Protein backbone atom coordinates (compact mmCIF):
# COMPACT_ATOMS: atom_id res chain seq x y z
CA MET A 1 28.40 -57.70 146.47
CA LYS A 2 29.33 -59.71 143.38
CA ILE A 3 26.59 -61.81 141.78
CA THR A 4 26.18 -63.87 138.63
CA ALA A 5 23.35 -62.73 136.39
CA ALA A 6 22.06 -63.38 132.87
CA LEU A 7 22.26 -60.10 130.97
CA SER A 8 20.11 -59.08 127.99
CA GLY A 9 21.27 -56.35 125.63
CA ARG A 10 24.47 -57.81 124.27
CA GLY A 11 22.92 -59.62 121.32
CA GLY A 12 22.41 -63.33 120.89
CA ASP A 13 19.31 -65.49 121.23
CA ALA A 14 19.51 -65.68 125.03
CA PRO A 15 20.86 -63.66 127.96
CA GLN A 16 24.56 -64.09 128.72
CA LEU A 17 25.91 -65.02 132.15
CA THR A 18 28.14 -62.33 133.57
CA GLU A 19 29.42 -61.05 136.91
CA LEU A 20 27.74 -57.88 138.17
CA GLU A 21 27.96 -55.73 141.26
CA GLN A 22 24.75 -55.58 143.32
CA GLU A 23 24.12 -52.91 145.94
CA GLU A 24 22.63 -53.54 149.36
CA PRO A 25 18.84 -53.47 149.81
CA ARG A 26 17.40 -50.04 150.45
CA ALA A 27 14.52 -49.17 152.77
CA GLY A 28 11.54 -51.40 152.01
CA GLU A 29 13.65 -53.90 150.04
CA MET A 30 15.11 -57.35 150.65
CA ARG A 31 17.96 -59.35 149.18
CA ILE A 32 16.82 -62.76 147.99
CA ARG A 33 19.14 -65.67 147.30
CA LEU A 34 17.51 -67.26 144.28
CA VAL A 35 17.03 -71.01 144.23
CA ALA A 36 15.17 -71.23 140.91
CA THR A 37 13.51 -69.01 138.33
CA GLY A 38 10.98 -69.87 135.65
CA ILE A 39 11.25 -68.61 132.09
CA CYS A 40 8.08 -66.93 130.83
CA HIS A 41 7.19 -65.81 127.29
CA THR A 42 7.46 -62.22 128.51
CA ASP A 43 11.16 -62.87 129.13
CA LEU A 44 11.52 -64.22 125.57
CA HIS A 45 9.76 -61.15 124.16
CA GLU A 46 11.75 -58.66 126.23
CA HIS A 47 15.19 -60.17 125.60
CA PRO A 48 15.53 -58.38 122.22
CA GLY A 49 14.30 -55.15 123.84
CA ARG A 50 10.62 -54.34 123.33
CA HIS A 51 9.34 -52.36 126.29
CA SER A 52 12.24 -52.40 128.75
CA PRO A 53 15.53 -50.50 128.52
CA GLN A 54 18.79 -52.40 128.00
CA PRO A 55 21.16 -53.73 129.17
CA ILE A 56 18.88 -55.41 131.68
CA VAL A 57 18.62 -58.50 133.85
CA LEU A 58 15.24 -60.09 133.14
CA GLY A 59 13.48 -62.90 135.02
CA HIS A 60 10.19 -62.59 136.89
CA GLU A 61 9.28 -66.05 138.21
CA GLY A 62 11.81 -66.29 141.00
CA ALA A 63 11.77 -68.36 144.17
CA GLY A 64 14.35 -68.09 146.90
CA VAL A 65 15.38 -67.38 150.47
CA VAL A 66 15.41 -64.03 152.27
CA GLU A 67 19.06 -63.21 152.92
CA LYS A 68 19.00 -59.58 154.06
CA LEU A 69 16.31 -57.09 155.11
CA GLY A 70 16.33 -53.39 154.32
CA GLU A 71 15.20 -50.76 156.78
CA GLY A 72 11.49 -50.83 157.58
CA VAL A 73 10.69 -54.26 156.11
CA THR A 74 8.01 -56.04 158.13
CA GLY A 75 6.42 -59.46 157.92
CA PHE A 76 9.59 -61.22 156.73
CA ALA A 77 12.57 -62.71 158.51
CA LEU A 78 15.97 -63.98 157.45
CA GLY A 79 15.66 -67.50 156.05
CA ASP A 80 12.04 -67.15 154.93
CA HIS A 81 11.13 -68.95 151.72
CA VAL A 82 9.44 -66.69 149.17
CA ILE A 83 7.96 -66.62 145.69
CA LEU A 84 8.52 -63.41 143.72
CA SER A 85 5.73 -61.89 141.67
CA GLY A 86 5.09 -58.50 140.03
CA ASN A 87 5.69 -55.09 141.60
CA SER A 88 3.01 -52.55 142.49
CA CYS A 89 2.72 -49.28 144.38
CA GLY A 90 0.35 -50.43 147.15
CA LYS A 91 -1.40 -47.05 147.24
CA CYS A 92 -3.55 -46.64 144.11
CA PRO A 93 -7.24 -47.68 143.97
CA SER A 94 -6.44 -50.99 142.27
CA CYS A 95 -3.81 -51.94 144.85
CA LEU A 96 -6.11 -50.98 147.72
CA ASP A 97 -8.78 -53.18 146.13
CA ASN A 98 -6.37 -56.19 146.14
CA ARG A 99 -5.89 -56.02 142.35
CA PRO A 100 -2.20 -55.07 142.11
CA THR A 101 -1.78 -56.24 138.51
CA TYR A 102 -3.80 -53.16 137.53
CA CYS A 103 -1.66 -50.81 139.61
CA ASP A 104 -1.52 -47.27 138.20
CA LEU A 105 2.28 -47.61 138.11
CA ALA A 106 2.44 -51.20 136.84
CA MET A 107 4.27 -50.39 133.61
CA PRO A 108 7.15 -48.33 135.07
CA LEU A 109 7.44 -50.61 138.10
CA CYS A 110 7.54 -53.84 136.08
CA PHE A 111 9.05 -52.80 132.72
CA GLY A 112 10.96 -49.63 133.58
CA GLY A 113 14.19 -51.38 134.55
CA LYS A 114 14.74 -49.18 137.58
CA ARG A 115 13.23 -47.86 140.78
CA LEU A 116 10.82 -44.95 140.51
CA ASP A 117 13.63 -42.60 141.57
CA GLY A 118 15.61 -43.69 138.50
CA SER A 119 18.21 -45.78 140.34
CA THR A 120 19.12 -49.40 139.68
CA ALA A 121 20.51 -52.10 141.96
CA LEU A 122 23.12 -53.38 139.51
CA CYS A 123 26.22 -52.12 137.78
CA SER A 124 29.18 -53.38 135.75
CA ASP A 125 32.52 -51.56 135.91
CA GLY A 126 30.69 -48.52 137.24
CA ALA A 127 28.07 -48.49 134.47
CA ALA A 128 24.46 -48.91 135.52
CA ILE A 129 22.67 -52.13 134.54
CA HIS A 130 18.87 -52.06 134.51
CA SER A 131 17.26 -54.07 137.31
CA HIS A 132 13.91 -54.46 139.10
CA PHE A 133 12.25 -56.15 136.11
CA PHE A 134 8.80 -56.96 137.54
CA GLY A 135 10.35 -55.92 140.84
CA GLN A 136 12.87 -58.76 140.81
CA SER A 137 15.23 -59.34 137.83
CA SER A 138 15.57 -62.93 138.96
CA PHE A 139 17.81 -64.30 136.21
CA ALA A 140 20.53 -64.04 138.81
CA THR A 141 21.97 -65.71 141.87
CA HIS A 142 20.66 -62.86 144.05
CA SER A 143 17.94 -60.25 143.64
CA ILE A 144 17.02 -56.97 145.33
CA VAL A 145 13.23 -56.85 145.60
CA PRO A 146 10.61 -54.52 147.08
CA GLN A 147 8.74 -56.10 149.96
CA ARG A 148 5.49 -56.13 147.93
CA THR A 149 7.09 -58.38 145.31
CA ALA A 150 7.65 -61.28 147.72
CA VAL A 151 5.13 -63.83 149.00
CA LYS A 152 6.12 -65.98 151.98
CA MET A 153 5.65 -69.74 151.52
CA ASP A 154 5.75 -72.73 153.87
CA LYS A 155 9.23 -74.20 154.15
CA ASP A 156 8.05 -77.76 153.56
CA LEU A 157 7.14 -76.88 149.95
CA PRO A 158 9.73 -77.61 147.21
CA LEU A 159 11.07 -74.12 146.62
CA GLU A 160 12.69 -75.03 143.28
CA LYS A 161 9.24 -75.74 141.81
CA LEU A 162 7.39 -72.68 143.07
CA GLY A 163 8.73 -69.85 140.88
CA PRO A 164 6.33 -70.31 137.92
CA LEU A 165 3.39 -69.79 140.27
CA GLY A 166 4.31 -66.09 140.34
CA CYS A 167 3.44 -65.25 136.73
CA GLY A 168 2.45 -67.87 134.14
CA ILE A 169 0.53 -70.13 136.48
CA ILE A 170 -1.23 -67.37 138.42
CA THR A 171 -2.24 -65.88 135.06
CA GLY A 172 -3.92 -69.09 133.90
CA ALA A 173 -5.43 -70.21 137.17
CA GLY A 174 -6.36 -66.73 138.32
CA GLY A 175 -7.83 -65.94 134.92
CA VAL A 176 -10.34 -68.76 135.35
CA ILE A 177 -11.04 -68.42 139.09
CA GLU A 178 -10.59 -64.72 139.85
CA ALA A 179 -11.19 -62.88 136.56
CA LEU A 180 -13.80 -64.95 134.72
CA LYS A 181 -15.16 -66.50 137.92
CA VAL A 182 -15.93 -69.80 136.22
CA GLY A 183 -18.13 -71.84 138.52
CA TYR A 184 -19.57 -75.28 139.06
CA GLY A 185 -21.40 -76.55 135.97
CA ASP A 186 -20.06 -73.84 133.64
CA THR A 187 -18.44 -74.56 130.28
CA ILE A 188 -15.19 -73.12 128.95
CA ALA A 189 -12.96 -73.41 125.88
CA ILE A 190 -9.23 -72.77 126.38
CA PHE A 191 -7.13 -71.84 123.36
CA GLY A 192 -3.45 -72.74 123.69
CA THR A 193 -2.16 -75.36 126.11
CA GLY A 194 1.18 -73.96 127.15
CA GLY A 195 1.90 -73.20 130.78
CA VAL A 196 -0.84 -70.55 131.05
CA GLY A 197 -3.46 -72.59 129.20
CA LEU A 198 -2.76 -75.79 131.12
CA SER A 199 -2.99 -73.85 134.38
CA ALA A 200 -6.40 -72.65 133.22
CA VAL A 201 -7.44 -76.24 132.50
CA MET A 202 -6.46 -77.35 136.01
CA ALA A 203 -8.27 -74.39 137.54
CA ALA A 204 -11.44 -75.10 135.55
CA ARG A 205 -11.41 -78.64 136.89
CA LEU A 206 -10.86 -77.33 140.43
CA VAL A 207 -14.00 -75.19 140.32
CA GLY A 208 -16.14 -77.97 138.83
CA ALA A 209 -16.62 -76.79 135.26
CA ARG A 210 -18.88 -79.23 133.40
CA ARG A 211 -17.12 -79.13 130.01
CA ILE A 212 -13.52 -78.00 129.54
CA VAL A 213 -12.53 -77.77 125.88
CA ALA A 214 -8.79 -77.56 125.14
CA VAL A 215 -7.63 -76.42 121.69
CA ASP A 216 -4.03 -76.61 120.44
CA LEU A 217 -1.97 -77.74 117.46
CA ASP A 218 0.29 -79.97 119.57
CA PRO A 219 -1.18 -83.44 120.24
CA VAL A 220 1.23 -84.08 123.12
CA ARG A 221 0.07 -80.96 124.93
CA LEU A 222 -3.55 -81.81 124.22
CA GLU A 223 -3.04 -85.20 125.85
CA LEU A 224 -1.56 -83.48 128.90
CA ALA A 225 -4.56 -81.16 128.95
CA ARG A 226 -6.80 -84.21 129.04
CA GLU A 227 -4.84 -85.61 131.98
CA PHE A 228 -5.21 -82.26 133.75
CA GLY A 229 -8.99 -82.27 133.37
CA ALA A 230 -9.99 -81.26 129.85
CA THR A 231 -13.17 -83.10 128.86
CA ASP A 232 -12.73 -82.38 125.14
CA CYS A 233 -9.49 -81.90 123.20
CA LEU A 234 -9.58 -80.52 119.66
CA PRO A 235 -6.75 -79.89 117.18
CA GLY A 236 -6.57 -76.21 116.33
CA ASP A 237 -6.37 -76.88 112.59
CA GLU A 238 -9.56 -78.95 112.36
CA ASP A 239 -12.21 -77.96 109.83
CA ASP A 240 -15.38 -76.35 111.20
CA LEU A 241 -13.73 -75.90 114.59
CA ALA A 242 -16.24 -73.27 115.70
CA ALA A 243 -19.18 -75.55 114.91
CA LYS A 244 -17.54 -78.45 116.75
CA ILE A 245 -16.97 -76.38 119.88
CA ARG A 246 -20.51 -75.00 119.85
CA GLY A 247 -21.80 -78.51 119.26
CA ILE A 248 -20.19 -79.84 122.44
CA THR A 249 -22.84 -78.06 124.50
CA GLY A 250 -25.40 -77.45 121.77
CA ARG A 251 -25.28 -73.68 122.31
CA GLY A 252 -21.65 -72.65 122.70
CA VAL A 253 -19.58 -72.23 125.85
CA ASP A 254 -20.07 -69.86 128.75
CA PHE A 255 -16.44 -68.73 128.72
CA THR A 256 -13.38 -68.78 126.50
CA PHE A 257 -9.81 -68.21 127.63
CA ASN A 258 -7.37 -67.30 124.87
CA THR A 259 -3.62 -67.50 125.50
CA THR A 260 -2.59 -66.91 121.86
CA ASN A 261 -1.90 -63.75 119.87
CA VAL A 262 -3.39 -65.13 116.63
CA PRO A 263 -6.13 -62.81 115.30
CA SER A 264 -8.23 -65.65 113.88
CA VAL A 265 -8.22 -67.37 117.29
CA HIS A 266 -9.45 -64.17 118.93
CA THR A 267 -12.31 -64.16 116.43
CA LEU A 268 -13.00 -67.84 117.12
CA ALA A 269 -13.00 -67.28 120.88
CA LEU A 270 -15.87 -64.80 120.52
CA ASP A 271 -17.69 -66.84 117.89
CA VAL A 272 -18.04 -69.98 120.04
CA LEU A 273 -19.56 -68.20 123.05
CA ALA A 274 -23.08 -68.92 124.13
CA MET A 275 -25.47 -66.02 124.78
CA ASN A 276 -24.08 -63.69 127.47
CA GLY A 277 -20.72 -65.46 127.30
CA THR A 278 -17.37 -63.87 128.15
CA ALA A 279 -14.14 -64.15 126.15
CA GLY A 280 -11.06 -63.67 128.32
CA PHE A 281 -7.65 -63.06 126.75
CA VAL A 282 -4.14 -62.67 128.12
CA ALA A 283 -2.26 -61.77 124.92
CA ALA A 284 -3.16 -59.06 122.41
CA PRO A 285 -3.81 -60.05 118.79
CA ARG A 286 -0.75 -59.80 116.57
CA GLY A 287 -1.42 -57.25 113.84
CA GLU A 288 -4.75 -55.73 112.89
CA TRP A 289 -7.88 -57.23 114.43
CA ALA A 290 -11.36 -55.99 115.23
CA PRO A 291 -14.15 -57.86 117.05
CA GLN A 292 -17.49 -58.41 115.36
CA MET A 293 -19.36 -55.76 117.30
CA PHE A 294 -22.86 -56.67 116.13
CA GLY A 295 -22.34 -60.28 117.15
CA MET A 296 -21.21 -59.11 120.60
CA LEU A 297 -24.20 -56.81 120.90
CA ALA A 298 -26.77 -59.34 119.69
CA GLY A 299 -25.36 -62.06 121.93
CA GLY A 300 -24.69 -59.94 124.99
CA LYS A 301 -21.08 -61.10 124.80
CA GLN A 302 -18.14 -59.56 126.65
CA LEU A 303 -14.46 -59.29 125.73
CA ARG A 304 -12.28 -59.27 128.83
CA GLY A 305 -8.57 -58.50 129.04
CA ILE A 306 -6.79 -60.22 131.94
CA LEU A 307 -3.43 -59.38 133.53
CA GLY A 308 -1.85 -61.62 136.12
CA GLY A 309 -5.08 -63.54 136.47
CA ASP A 310 -6.71 -60.58 138.28
CA ALA A 311 -5.26 -62.20 141.40
CA HIS A 312 -3.49 -60.79 144.44
CA PRO A 313 -0.28 -62.86 144.67
CA GLY A 314 -0.11 -62.70 148.46
CA ILE A 315 -3.58 -64.20 148.73
CA PHE A 316 -3.80 -66.46 145.70
CA LEU A 317 -0.35 -68.08 145.49
CA PRO A 318 -0.51 -69.82 148.89
CA LYS A 319 -3.88 -71.25 147.80
CA LEU A 320 -2.37 -72.68 144.61
CA ALA A 321 0.51 -74.18 146.58
CA ASP A 322 -1.97 -75.79 148.95
CA TYR A 323 -3.99 -77.19 146.05
CA TRP A 324 -0.71 -78.71 144.79
CA ARG A 325 -0.07 -80.19 148.24
CA GLN A 326 -3.53 -81.79 148.10
CA GLY A 327 -2.77 -83.32 144.69
CA ARG A 328 -5.41 -81.20 142.97
CA PHE A 329 -3.15 -78.82 141.02
CA PRO A 330 -0.15 -80.76 139.61
CA PHE A 331 1.54 -77.80 137.94
CA ASP A 332 4.98 -79.31 138.50
CA ARG A 333 4.29 -81.83 135.72
CA MET A 334 4.80 -78.96 133.25
CA ILE A 335 8.29 -78.12 134.51
CA SER A 336 11.61 -78.91 132.84
CA PHE A 337 14.69 -78.05 134.94
CA TYR A 338 17.92 -76.54 133.58
CA PRO A 339 21.12 -75.51 135.36
CA PHE A 340 21.49 -71.72 135.33
CA ALA A 341 24.55 -72.12 133.10
CA ASP A 342 22.29 -73.73 130.46
CA ILE A 343 20.07 -70.67 130.05
CA SER A 344 20.72 -70.61 126.29
CA ARG A 345 19.33 -74.14 125.92
CA ALA A 346 16.40 -73.29 128.17
CA PHE A 347 15.56 -70.24 126.03
CA ALA A 348 15.82 -72.32 122.86
CA ASP A 349 13.52 -75.00 124.26
CA ALA A 350 11.03 -72.36 125.36
CA HIS A 351 11.08 -70.76 121.90
CA SER A 352 10.61 -74.09 120.12
CA GLY A 353 7.95 -75.35 122.50
CA LYS A 354 10.04 -78.37 123.51
CA ALA A 355 9.68 -77.24 127.13
CA ILE A 356 6.31 -76.09 128.45
CA LYS A 357 7.73 -74.38 131.53
CA PRO A 358 11.54 -74.17 131.71
CA VAL A 359 12.91 -73.49 135.19
CA LEU A 360 16.51 -72.42 135.84
CA LEU A 361 18.17 -73.90 138.91
CA MET A 362 20.55 -71.51 140.62
CA GLU A 363 21.11 -74.13 143.33
CA THR A 364 20.92 -77.90 143.38
CA PRO A 365 17.86 -78.99 145.42
CA GLU A 366 18.71 -80.87 148.59
């Protein structure tokens, strides 16, 4: 069938809308009619072609409606509302332990641009177009997805808002709740208050953290962090920032959560930890960086990489949606909506930071 998709690999600062041919879902797959798709920094980074082959349809925060089922699909029906998240094999030790973000095949399944058999779901004038980005390639009106990529949601939830839960928001919230296991009375410093960092702030408030320190260069985002539950907001360019963070508790914080790729911030995130503290990070340092190993040893500190918030989407995403329904996780306040045709403006606003979480609307909400 003919679909409209945003294609990367033809130059420019953003994907270009084009008509493509999409095949029918194969065994174990479904066709999803996309309602909305969030734009994540991974999409921005992959558009020029870093890890994935091109030309490719990106997009990995999709939300939509099940339109067709492939052979053998169970647990879904036509008309179901779903969020799309990352792909995984379902068979390796990590998948069997409900930690699919650490699937043995995560890289080829999410960044390979094709199925494991080498096929793609898209073509243009007979030439293959790479698909299945994170198991979805949701910068499109329709997507062919493996069953494991989809999470069924209640139909009374606003589907156009739900897409970002599948990557950026699960990374921040899951990082705090599932990976670091921040608990009641703990203290945490969060570096960077974009969509991932703000999700971490909301999650820290949910679990009852005693002090939640938000650090960023943008005063507007810091104010939003305060509204979301941060107890202390500090400009990232302040003098003696490490001393100020340690001084908030008198001994440093139990946890840090770093959403930036700035080497000096990675150093800071370790430096402000209390004894036996843990520094979680979701983005690798840009350029050369090495932790201060003696300081980690002497303080019993841990450095913890986190992918996808360590969370199982099928279990964790319905919880986040329910927290939103209860008024305890207002992630939708971060969203800025754009018509699909305005993807160039949405990419520009994401790059500049004007929009915290841009969401493309493939359909107009009813």
